[in-house]
Amino acid sequence: MSRAWLALRALQLRLLGPAKELVGTDQFGNKYYRVPKHETGAGQIIPERRFVEAVNREAYQYQVGDFPTEWEAWIRKKRKDPPTIEEILKNENYREEMKQKTKDVAEKDKLLQAKEGLVAEPGHTHVKGHASAPYYGKKEPSQDPTSTANTFQPGAWMPPGSGSSQNK
């Protein structure tokens, strides 16, 4: 390469940093990139960056499951090396097998419970109030006044357990 080309490349690296490297593509067509750790012209060290370019997606359209979990783990730096397509397909098959096995076990359990009469019918419970209320399970306090204030005398009331006996 020519000396001018090397000088331009060195200037580009110093000003813009290294170019992104394509690391892989998943079965949906999403492309995964990394920008290696580098030092800026001012001497600042920039850590490695990993990111994905999604296929025909806007940021607000992302949903859980749009990216394989193996690639997501790589992007979040939970794993050092990017996954292979074989690894992704193997794990996907394993997840599908587990879903089917779980479904089969649930059906067998339901049949066994029905056969042995262990299936409980849903009960209908009427709960009044909330468990955090001080009167939960008791009669609700009335909103009606309990006193007419005809018997009120200032200073006559003492809180319970205050030491002075009101039964004198």
N, C-alpha and C. Protein backbone atom coordinates (compact mmCIF):
# COMPACT_ATOMS: atom_id res chain seq x y z
N MET A 1 0.84 -1.18 0.00
CA MET A 1 0.00 0.00 0.00
C MET A 1 0.89 1.24 0.00
N SER A 2 0.32 2.27 -0.52
CA SER A 2 1.10 3.50 -0.61
C SER A 2 1.16 4.19 0.76
N ARG A 3 2.15 5.05 0.86
CA ARG A 3 2.36 5.79 2.09
C ARG A 3 1.18 6.73 2.36
N ALA A 4 0.62 7.32 1.33
CA ALA A 4 -0.52 8.23 1.49
C ALA A 4 -1.73 7.46 2.02
N TRP A 5 -1.97 6.26 1.48
CA TRP A 5 -3.09 5.45 1.93
C TRP A 5 -2.95 5.10 3.41
N LEU A 6 -1.77 4.71 3.83
CA LEU A 6 -1.53 4.37 5.23
C LEU A 6 -1.74 5.58 6.14
N ALA A 7 -1.30 6.74 5.66
CA ALA A 7 -1.48 7.97 6.44
C ALA A 7 -2.96 8.30 6.58
N LEU A 8 -3.73 8.15 5.49
CA LEU A 8 -5.18 8.42 5.55
C LEU A 8 -5.88 7.43 6.47
N ARG A 9 -5.48 6.17 6.39
CA ARG A 9 -6.08 5.14 7.25
C ARG A 9 -5.78 5.43 8.73
N ALA A 10 -4.56 5.83 9.02
CA ALA A 10 -4.19 6.16 10.40
C ALA A 10 -4.97 7.37 10.89
N LEU A 11 -5.18 8.36 10.01
CA LEU A 11 -5.95 9.54 10.37
C LEU A 11 -7.42 9.17 10.62
N GLN A 12 -7.95 8.31 9.78
CA GLN A 12 -9.33 7.87 9.95
C GLN A 12 -9.50 7.13 11.29
N LEU A 13 -8.59 6.26 11.61
CA LEU A 13 -8.66 5.53 12.88
C LEU A 13 -8.57 6.48 14.06
N ARG A 14 -7.73 7.49 13.94
CA ARG A 14 -7.54 8.43 15.02
C ARG A 14 -8.77 9.31 15.22
N LEU A 15 -9.40 9.73 14.13
CA LEU A 15 -10.55 10.63 14.23
C LEU A 15 -11.86 9.88 14.47
N LEU A 16 -12.08 8.82 13.72
CA LEU A 16 -13.36 8.13 13.77
C LEU A 16 -13.35 6.84 14.57
N GLY A 17 -12.19 6.29 14.82
CA GLY A 17 -12.11 5.00 15.49
C GLY A 17 -12.19 3.89 14.46
N PRO A 18 -12.06 2.67 14.90
CA PRO A 18 -12.08 1.56 13.96
C PRO A 18 -13.48 1.34 13.38
N ALA A 19 -13.53 0.73 12.24
CA ALA A 19 -14.81 0.46 11.58
C ALA A 19 -15.49 -0.73 12.26
N LYS A 20 -16.81 -0.81 12.09
CA LYS A 20 -17.54 -1.93 12.67
C LYS A 20 -17.22 -3.20 11.89
N GLU A 21 -17.19 -4.32 12.61
CA GLU A 21 -16.91 -5.62 12.01
C GLU A 21 -18.16 -6.47 12.07
N LEU A 22 -18.56 -7.06 10.96
CA LEU A 22 -19.70 -7.97 10.95
C LEU A 22 -19.26 -9.26 11.63
N VAL A 23 -19.99 -9.65 12.67
CA VAL A 23 -19.64 -10.84 13.43
C VAL A 23 -20.49 -12.02 12.98
N GLY A 24 -21.76 -11.77 12.67
CA GLY A 24 -22.63 -12.87 12.26
C GLY A 24 -24.02 -12.40 11.93
N THR A 25 -24.81 -13.34 11.45
CA THR A 25 -26.20 -13.10 11.09
C THR A 25 -27.03 -14.24 11.66
N ASP A 26 -28.22 -13.93 12.18
CA ASP A 26 -29.07 -14.99 12.70
C ASP A 26 -30.05 -15.47 11.65
N GLN A 27 -30.90 -16.45 12.03
CA GLN A 27 -31.82 -17.05 11.07
C GLN A 27 -32.92 -16.09 10.63
N PHE A 28 -33.10 -14.97 11.33
CA PHE A 28 -34.10 -13.98 10.96
C PHE A 28 -33.54 -12.92 10.02
N GLY A 29 -32.23 -12.90 9.84
CA GLY A 29 -31.58 -11.92 8.98
C GLY A 29 -31.01 -10.72 9.72
N ASN A 30 -31.10 -10.70 11.05
CA ASN A 30 -30.50 -9.62 11.83
C ASN A 30 -28.98 -9.75 11.77
N LYS A 31 -28.29 -8.61 11.65
CA LYS A 31 -26.83 -8.62 11.55
C LYS A 31 -26.23 -8.08 12.84
N TYR A 32 -25.18 -8.77 13.31
CA TYR A 32 -24.54 -8.43 14.58
C TYR A 32 -23.13 -7.93 14.31
N TYR A 33 -22.80 -6.79 14.94
CA TYR A 33 -21.52 -6.12 14.71
C TYR A 33 -20.80 -5.88 16.02
N ARG A 34 -19.50 -5.64 15.89
CA ARG A 34 -18.70 -5.21 17.03
C ARG A 34 -17.73 -4.13 16.57
N VAL A 35 -17.45 -3.20 17.44
CA VAL A 35 -16.40 -2.20 17.23
C VAL A 35 -15.37 -2.50 18.31
N PRO A 36 -14.15 -2.88 17.91
CA PRO A 36 -13.17 -3.29 18.92
C PRO A 36 -12.73 -2.14 19.83
N LYS A 37 -12.18 -2.51 20.97
CA LYS A 37 -11.64 -1.53 21.92
C LYS A 37 -10.56 -0.72 21.21
N HIS A 38 -10.58 0.59 21.40
CA HIS A 38 -9.59 1.44 20.74
C HIS A 38 -9.33 2.69 21.57
N GLU A 39 -8.28 3.40 21.17
CA GLU A 39 -7.89 4.62 21.86
C GLU A 39 -8.13 5.80 20.92
N THR A 40 -8.72 6.86 21.46
CA THR A 40 -8.98 8.05 20.66
C THR A 40 -7.70 8.87 20.54
N GLY A 41 -7.77 9.90 19.71
CA GLY A 41 -6.62 10.79 19.54
C GLY A 41 -6.24 11.51 20.82
N ALA A 42 -7.22 11.70 21.71
CA ALA A 42 -6.97 12.39 22.97
C ALA A 42 -6.47 11.42 24.05
N GLY A 43 -6.33 10.16 23.70
CA GLY A 43 -5.82 9.18 24.65
C GLY A 43 -6.89 8.47 25.46
N GLN A 44 -8.15 8.75 25.16
CA GLN A 44 -9.25 8.10 25.87
C GLN A 44 -9.44 6.69 25.32
N ILE A 45 -9.59 5.71 26.21
CA ILE A 45 -9.79 4.32 25.78
C ILE A 45 -11.28 4.05 25.69
N ILE A 46 -11.73 3.65 24.52
CA ILE A 46 -13.14 3.34 24.28
C ILE A 46 -13.29 1.81 24.32
N PRO A 47 -14.15 1.28 25.20
CA PRO A 47 -14.32 -0.17 25.29
C PRO A 47 -15.01 -0.75 24.05
N GLU A 48 -14.91 -2.05 23.91
CA GLU A 48 -15.56 -2.73 22.79
C GLU A 48 -17.06 -2.47 22.83
N ARG A 49 -17.64 -2.28 21.65
CA ARG A 49 -19.08 -2.05 21.52
C ARG A 49 -19.68 -3.14 20.66
N ARG A 50 -20.83 -3.66 21.05
CA ARG A 50 -21.54 -4.67 20.27
C ARG A 50 -22.95 -4.17 20.01
N PHE A 51 -23.45 -4.42 18.80
CA PHE A 51 -24.80 -3.97 18.48
C PHE A 51 -25.38 -4.80 17.35
N VAL A 52 -26.68 -4.63 17.13
CA VAL A 52 -27.40 -5.39 16.11
C VAL A 52 -28.10 -4.41 15.18
N GLU A 53 -28.14 -4.78 13.90
CA GLU A 53 -28.95 -4.05 12.93
C GLU A 53 -30.10 -4.99 12.59
N ALA A 54 -31.29 -4.64 13.07
CA ALA A 54 -32.46 -5.48 12.87
C ALA A 54 -32.99 -5.34 11.45
N VAL A 55 -33.64 -6.37 10.99
CA VAL A 55 -34.20 -6.38 9.65
C VAL A 55 -35.53 -5.64 9.64
N ASN A 56 -35.60 -4.55 8.89
CA ASN A 56 -36.84 -3.79 8.69
C ASN A 56 -37.60 -3.52 9.98
N ARG A 57 -36.93 -3.07 10.99
CA ARG A 57 -37.57 -2.80 12.27
C ARG A 57 -37.24 -1.40 12.75
N GLU A 58 -38.21 -0.80 13.38
CA GLU A 58 -37.98 0.44 14.10
C GLU A 58 -37.74 0.06 15.56
N ALA A 59 -37.08 0.93 16.30
CA ALA A 59 -36.73 0.63 17.69
C ALA A 59 -37.97 0.32 18.53
N TYR A 60 -39.08 0.99 18.27
CA TYR A 60 -40.28 0.77 19.08
C TYR A 60 -41.00 -0.53 18.73
N GLN A 61 -40.58 -1.22 17.66
CA GLN A 61 -41.25 -2.45 17.26
C GLN A 61 -40.58 -3.70 17.83
N TYR A 62 -39.52 -3.56 18.60
CA TYR A 62 -38.85 -4.73 19.17
C TYR A 62 -39.78 -5.44 20.13
N GLN A 63 -39.73 -6.75 20.09
CA GLN A 63 -40.49 -7.57 21.02
C GLN A 63 -39.60 -8.68 21.54
N VAL A 64 -39.98 -9.25 22.68
CA VAL A 64 -39.24 -10.37 23.23
C VAL A 64 -39.27 -11.51 22.23
N GLY A 65 -38.13 -12.09 21.96
CA GLY A 65 -38.06 -13.20 21.02
C GLY A 65 -37.67 -12.80 19.61
N ASP A 66 -37.51 -11.50 19.37
CA ASP A 66 -37.09 -11.06 18.03
C ASP A 66 -35.65 -11.44 17.74
N PHE A 67 -34.86 -11.58 18.80
CA PHE A 67 -33.46 -11.96 18.65
C PHE A 67 -33.22 -13.24 19.43
N PRO A 68 -32.47 -14.16 18.89
CA PRO A 68 -32.16 -15.38 19.63
C PRO A 68 -31.45 -15.05 20.95
N THR A 69 -31.75 -15.81 21.98
CA THR A 69 -31.19 -15.53 23.30
C THR A 69 -29.67 -15.63 23.31
N GLU A 70 -29.12 -16.48 22.46
CA GLU A 70 -27.66 -16.61 22.40
C GLU A 70 -27.02 -15.32 21.89
N TRP A 71 -27.64 -14.72 20.87
CA TRP A 71 -27.10 -13.45 20.34
C TRP A 71 -27.31 -12.33 21.34
N GLU A 72 -28.46 -12.34 22.02
CA GLU A 72 -28.72 -11.30 23.01
C GLU A 72 -27.69 -11.38 24.14
N ALA A 73 -27.34 -12.60 24.55
CA ALA A 73 -26.32 -12.77 25.58
C ALA A 73 -24.97 -12.24 25.09
N TRP A 74 -24.66 -12.44 23.82
CA TRP A 74 -23.39 -11.94 23.27
C TRP A 74 -23.39 -10.42 23.25
N ILE A 75 -24.49 -9.81 22.83
CA ILE A 75 -24.57 -8.34 22.78
C ILE A 75 -24.41 -7.75 24.18
N ARG A 76 -25.01 -8.38 25.18
CA ARG A 76 -24.94 -7.88 26.55
C ARG A 76 -23.66 -8.29 27.26
N LYS A 77 -22.75 -8.91 26.50
CA LYS A 77 -21.43 -9.34 27.00
C LYS A 77 -21.54 -10.36 28.12
N LYS A 78 -22.58 -11.19 28.06
CA LYS A 78 -22.73 -12.30 29.00
C LYS A 78 -21.92 -13.51 28.52
N ARG A 79 -21.54 -13.49 27.26
CA ARG A 79 -20.70 -14.54 26.70
C ARG A 79 -19.63 -13.88 25.85
N LYS A 80 -18.48 -14.53 25.79
CA LYS A 80 -17.34 -13.93 25.10
C LYS A 80 -17.43 -14.09 23.58
N ASP A 81 -17.73 -15.31 23.13
CA ASP A 81 -17.74 -15.59 21.70
C ASP A 81 -19.15 -15.56 21.15
N PRO A 82 -19.31 -15.11 19.90
CA PRO A 82 -20.64 -15.12 19.29
C PRO A 82 -21.11 -16.55 19.04
N PRO A 83 -22.42 -16.77 19.07
CA PRO A 83 -22.94 -18.12 18.87
C PRO A 83 -22.86 -18.56 17.41
N THR A 84 -22.86 -19.87 17.21
CA THR A 84 -22.90 -20.42 15.85
C THR A 84 -24.35 -20.75 15.53
N ILE A 85 -24.65 -20.86 14.26
CA ILE A 85 -26.02 -21.19 13.84
C ILE A 85 -26.40 -22.58 14.33
N GLU A 86 -25.42 -23.49 14.39
CA GLU A 86 -25.69 -24.85 14.88
C GLU A 86 -26.11 -24.81 16.35
N GLU A 87 -25.41 -23.99 17.14
CA GLU A 87 -25.73 -23.86 18.56
C GLU A 87 -27.14 -23.30 18.74
N ILE A 88 -27.48 -22.29 17.96
CA ILE A 88 -28.80 -21.67 18.07
C ILE A 88 -29.89 -22.68 17.72
N LEU A 89 -29.71 -23.42 16.63
CA LEU A 89 -30.71 -24.40 16.21
C LEU A 89 -30.83 -25.54 17.24
N LYS A 90 -29.71 -25.97 17.79
CA LYS A 90 -29.72 -27.03 18.81
C LYS A 90 -30.50 -26.58 20.04
N ASN A 91 -30.25 -25.36 20.49
CA ASN A 91 -30.95 -24.83 21.65
C ASN A 91 -32.44 -24.63 21.37
N GLU A 92 -32.76 -24.20 20.16
CA GLU A 92 -34.17 -24.01 19.78
C GLU A 92 -34.91 -25.35 19.81
N ASN A 93 -34.27 -26.39 19.26
CA ASN A 93 -34.88 -27.73 19.29
C ASN A 93 -35.08 -28.20 20.72
N TYR A 94 -34.10 -27.96 21.58
CA TYR A 94 -34.18 -28.35 22.98
C TYR A 94 -35.36 -27.64 23.67
N ARG A 95 -35.51 -26.33 23.42
CA ARG A 95 -36.62 -25.58 24.02
C ARG A 95 -37.97 -26.13 23.56
N GLU A 96 -38.07 -26.47 22.28
CA GLU A 96 -39.32 -27.02 21.76
C GLU A 96 -39.62 -28.38 22.40
N GLU A 97 -38.60 -29.22 22.57
CA GLU A 97 -38.78 -30.52 23.23
C GLU A 97 -39.27 -30.32 24.66
N MET A 98 -38.68 -29.37 25.37
CA MET A 98 -39.08 -29.12 26.76
C MET A 98 -40.52 -28.62 26.83
N LYS A 99 -40.92 -27.78 25.89
CA LYS A 99 -42.31 -27.30 25.88
C LYS A 99 -43.27 -28.47 25.70
N GLN A 100 -42.93 -29.37 24.77
CA GLN A 100 -43.78 -30.52 24.51
C GLN A 100 -43.83 -31.46 25.72
N LYS A 101 -42.68 -31.70 26.34
CA LYS A 101 -42.64 -32.57 27.52
C LYS A 101 -43.46 -31.97 28.66
N THR A 102 -43.35 -30.68 28.85
CA THR A 102 -44.12 -30.01 29.90
C THR A 102 -45.61 -30.14 29.64
N LYS A 103 -45.99 -29.96 28.39
CA LYS A 103 -47.40 -30.09 28.01
C LYS A 103 -47.89 -31.51 28.27
N ASP A 104 -47.08 -32.52 27.90
CA ASP A 104 -47.45 -33.92 28.10
C ASP A 104 -47.61 -34.24 29.58
N VAL A 105 -46.68 -33.78 30.40
CA VAL A 105 -46.75 -34.04 31.84
C VAL A 105 -47.99 -33.39 32.43
N ALA A 106 -48.32 -32.19 32.01
CA ALA A 106 -49.50 -31.50 32.54
C ALA A 106 -50.76 -32.26 32.16
N GLU A 107 -50.84 -32.77 30.93
CA GLU A 107 -52.01 -33.54 30.50
C GLU A 107 -52.13 -34.84 31.28
N LYS A 108 -51.00 -35.55 31.48
CA LYS A 108 -51.01 -36.80 32.24
C LYS A 108 -51.45 -36.54 33.68
N ASP A 109 -50.96 -35.46 34.27
CA ASP A 109 -51.32 -35.10 35.63
C ASP A 109 -52.80 -34.79 35.74
N LYS A 110 -53.33 -34.08 34.77
CA LYS A 110 -54.75 -33.73 34.77
C LYS A 110 -55.61 -34.99 34.67
N LEU A 111 -55.22 -35.92 33.80
CA LEU A 111 -55.96 -37.18 33.64
C LEU A 111 -55.90 -38.01 34.93
N LEU A 112 -54.73 -38.09 35.55
CA LEU A 112 -54.57 -38.84 36.78
C LEU A 112 -55.42 -38.25 37.90
N GLN A 113 -55.42 -36.95 38.01
CA GLN A 113 -56.23 -36.30 39.05
C GLN A 113 -57.72 -36.53 38.81
N ALA A 114 -58.15 -36.48 37.54
CA ALA A 114 -59.56 -36.71 37.23
C ALA A 114 -59.93 -38.16 37.52
N LYS A 115 -59.03 -39.08 37.21
CA LYS A 115 -59.27 -40.51 37.44
C LYS A 115 -59.40 -40.81 38.93
N GLU A 116 -58.57 -40.19 39.75
CA GLU A 116 -58.58 -40.45 41.19
C GLU A 116 -59.52 -39.52 41.95
N GLY A 117 -60.20 -38.65 41.24
CA GLY A 117 -61.14 -37.75 41.88
C GLY A 117 -60.48 -36.64 42.67
N LEU A 118 -59.30 -36.25 42.27
CA LEU A 118 -58.57 -35.21 42.99
C LEU A 118 -58.77 -33.81 42.43
N VAL A 119 -59.56 -33.71 41.38
CA VAL A 119 -59.75 -32.41 40.75
C VAL A 119 -60.75 -31.62 41.58
N ALA A 120 -60.33 -30.51 42.07
CA ALA A 120 -61.20 -29.66 42.88
C ALA A 120 -61.92 -28.68 41.98
N GLU A 121 -63.19 -28.56 42.24
CA GLU A 121 -63.97 -27.58 41.49
C GLU A 121 -63.65 -26.19 42.03
N PRO A 122 -63.62 -25.22 41.18
CA PRO A 122 -63.31 -23.87 41.67
C PRO A 122 -64.42 -23.39 42.61
N GLY A 123 -64.01 -22.89 43.73
CA GLY A 123 -64.96 -22.37 44.70
C GLY A 123 -65.25 -20.91 44.44
N HIS A 124 -66.43 -20.48 44.82
CA HIS A 124 -66.79 -19.08 44.65
C HIS A 124 -66.78 -18.43 46.02
N THR A 125 -65.87 -17.56 46.22
CA THR A 125 -65.71 -16.89 47.49
C THR A 125 -66.04 -15.42 47.32
N HIS A 126 -66.74 -14.91 48.27
CA HIS A 126 -67.05 -13.48 48.23
C HIS A 126 -66.24 -12.81 49.34
N VAL A 127 -65.27 -12.05 48.95
CA VAL A 127 -64.42 -11.36 49.92
C VAL A 127 -64.84 -9.91 49.95
N LYS A 128 -65.08 -9.44 51.14
CA LYS A 128 -65.48 -8.06 51.32
C LYS A 128 -64.32 -7.31 51.94
N GLY A 129 -63.89 -6.26 51.32
CA GLY A 129 -62.79 -5.48 51.87
C GLY A 129 -61.46 -5.97 51.35
N HIS A 130 -60.43 -5.51 51.97
CA HIS A 130 -59.07 -5.85 51.56
C HIS A 130 -58.32 -6.38 52.78
N ALA A 131 -57.41 -7.33 52.56
CA ALA A 131 -56.70 -7.97 53.67
C ALA A 131 -55.89 -6.99 54.50
N SER A 132 -55.50 -5.86 53.93
CA SER A 132 -54.71 -4.90 54.70
C SER A 132 -55.58 -3.98 55.55
N ALA A 133 -56.88 -4.06 55.39
CA ALA A 133 -57.76 -3.22 56.20
C ALA A 133 -57.80 -3.75 57.63
N PRO A 134 -57.85 -2.86 58.63
CA PRO A 134 -57.83 -3.32 60.03
C PRO A 134 -59.08 -4.11 60.41
N TYR A 135 -60.15 -4.02 59.63
CA TYR A 135 -61.40 -4.71 59.95
C TYR A 135 -61.65 -5.89 59.01
N TYR A 136 -60.61 -6.39 58.32
CA TYR A 136 -60.78 -7.49 57.38
C TYR A 136 -61.33 -8.72 58.10
N GLY A 137 -62.37 -9.30 57.56
CA GLY A 137 -62.98 -10.49 58.15
C GLY A 137 -63.93 -10.17 59.28
N LYS A 138 -64.05 -8.93 59.65
CA LYS A 138 -64.96 -8.50 60.72
C LYS A 138 -66.03 -7.63 60.09
N LYS A 139 -66.95 -7.23 60.91
CA LYS A 139 -67.99 -6.33 60.43
C LYS A 139 -67.35 -4.99 60.07
N GLU A 140 -67.72 -4.48 58.92
CA GLU A 140 -67.14 -3.21 58.48
C GLU A 140 -67.63 -2.09 59.39
N PRO A 141 -66.75 -1.12 59.64
CA PRO A 141 -67.19 0.01 60.48
C PRO A 141 -68.27 0.81 59.77
N SER A 142 -69.17 1.33 60.54
CA SER A 142 -70.28 2.09 60.00
C SER A 142 -69.85 3.52 59.73
N GLN A 143 -70.42 4.10 58.73
CA GLN A 143 -70.16 5.49 58.44
C GLN A 143 -71.08 6.42 59.25
N ASP A 144 -72.09 5.81 59.85
CA ASP A 144 -73.03 6.59 60.65
C ASP A 144 -72.37 7.00 61.97
N PRO A 145 -72.71 8.17 62.48
CA PRO A 145 -72.11 8.59 63.75
C PRO A 145 -72.59 7.68 64.89
N THR A 146 -71.68 7.40 65.83
CA THR A 146 -72.04 6.53 66.96
C THR A 146 -72.37 7.33 68.21
N SER A 147 -72.16 8.61 68.17
CA SER A 147 -72.43 9.44 69.34
C SER A 147 -73.14 10.71 68.89
N THR A 148 -73.93 11.22 69.77
CA THR A 148 -74.63 12.48 69.47
C THR A 148 -73.88 13.66 70.04
N ALA A 149 -72.78 13.42 70.74
CA ALA A 149 -71.95 14.44 71.37
C ALA A 149 -72.64 15.09 72.54
N ASN A 150 -73.76 14.54 72.98
CA ASN A 150 -74.45 15.11 74.15
C ASN A 150 -73.72 14.75 75.43
N THR A 151 -72.94 13.63 75.42
CA THR A 151 -72.28 13.17 76.64
C THR A 151 -70.81 13.57 76.67
N PHE A 152 -70.33 14.34 75.72
CA PHE A 152 -68.91 14.68 75.65
C PHE A 152 -68.52 15.63 76.77
N GLN A 153 -67.39 15.30 77.45
CA GLN A 153 -66.83 16.18 78.46
C GLN A 153 -65.35 16.30 78.19
N PRO A 154 -64.83 17.50 78.02
CA PRO A 154 -63.40 17.67 77.73
C PRO A 154 -62.54 17.12 78.85
N GLY A 155 -61.49 16.38 78.48
CA GLY A 155 -60.54 15.83 79.43
C GLY A 155 -61.00 14.56 80.12
N ALA A 156 -62.19 14.07 79.83
CA ALA A 156 -62.72 12.89 80.51
C ALA A 156 -62.17 11.60 79.89
N TRP A 157 -61.88 11.62 78.64
CA TRP A 157 -61.43 10.38 77.97
C TRP A 157 -59.96 10.13 78.21
N MET A 158 -59.61 8.90 78.53
CA MET A 158 -58.22 8.50 78.71
C MET A 158 -57.98 7.29 77.80
N PRO A 159 -56.84 7.26 77.13
CA PRO A 159 -56.58 6.11 76.27
C PRO A 159 -56.45 4.83 77.08
N PRO A 160 -56.83 3.69 76.50
CA PRO A 160 -56.73 2.43 77.24
C PRO A 160 -55.28 2.13 77.60
N GLY A 161 -55.04 1.61 78.78
CA GLY A 161 -53.71 1.23 79.23
C GLY A 161 -52.85 2.43 79.58
N SER A 162 -53.44 3.56 79.88
CA SER A 162 -52.63 4.75 80.17
C SER A 162 -52.19 4.80 81.63
N GLY A 163 -52.62 3.86 82.44
CA GLY A 163 -52.15 3.82 83.83
C GLY A 163 -53.21 4.23 84.82
N SER A 164 -54.07 5.13 84.46
CA SER A 164 -55.12 5.53 85.41
C SER A 164 -56.35 4.68 85.16
N SER A 165 -56.98 4.28 86.20
CA SER A 165 -58.13 3.39 86.09
C SER A 165 -59.38 4.24 85.98
N GLN A 166 -60.22 3.86 85.01
CA GLN A 166 -61.48 4.58 84.83
C GLN A 166 -62.60 3.90 85.61
N ASN A 167 -62.30 2.75 86.21
CA ASN A 167 -63.34 2.02 86.93
C ASN A 167 -63.36 2.40 88.41
N LYS A 168 -63.12 3.61 88.78
CA LYS A 168 -63.11 4.05 90.17
C LYS A 168 -64.48 4.29 90.69
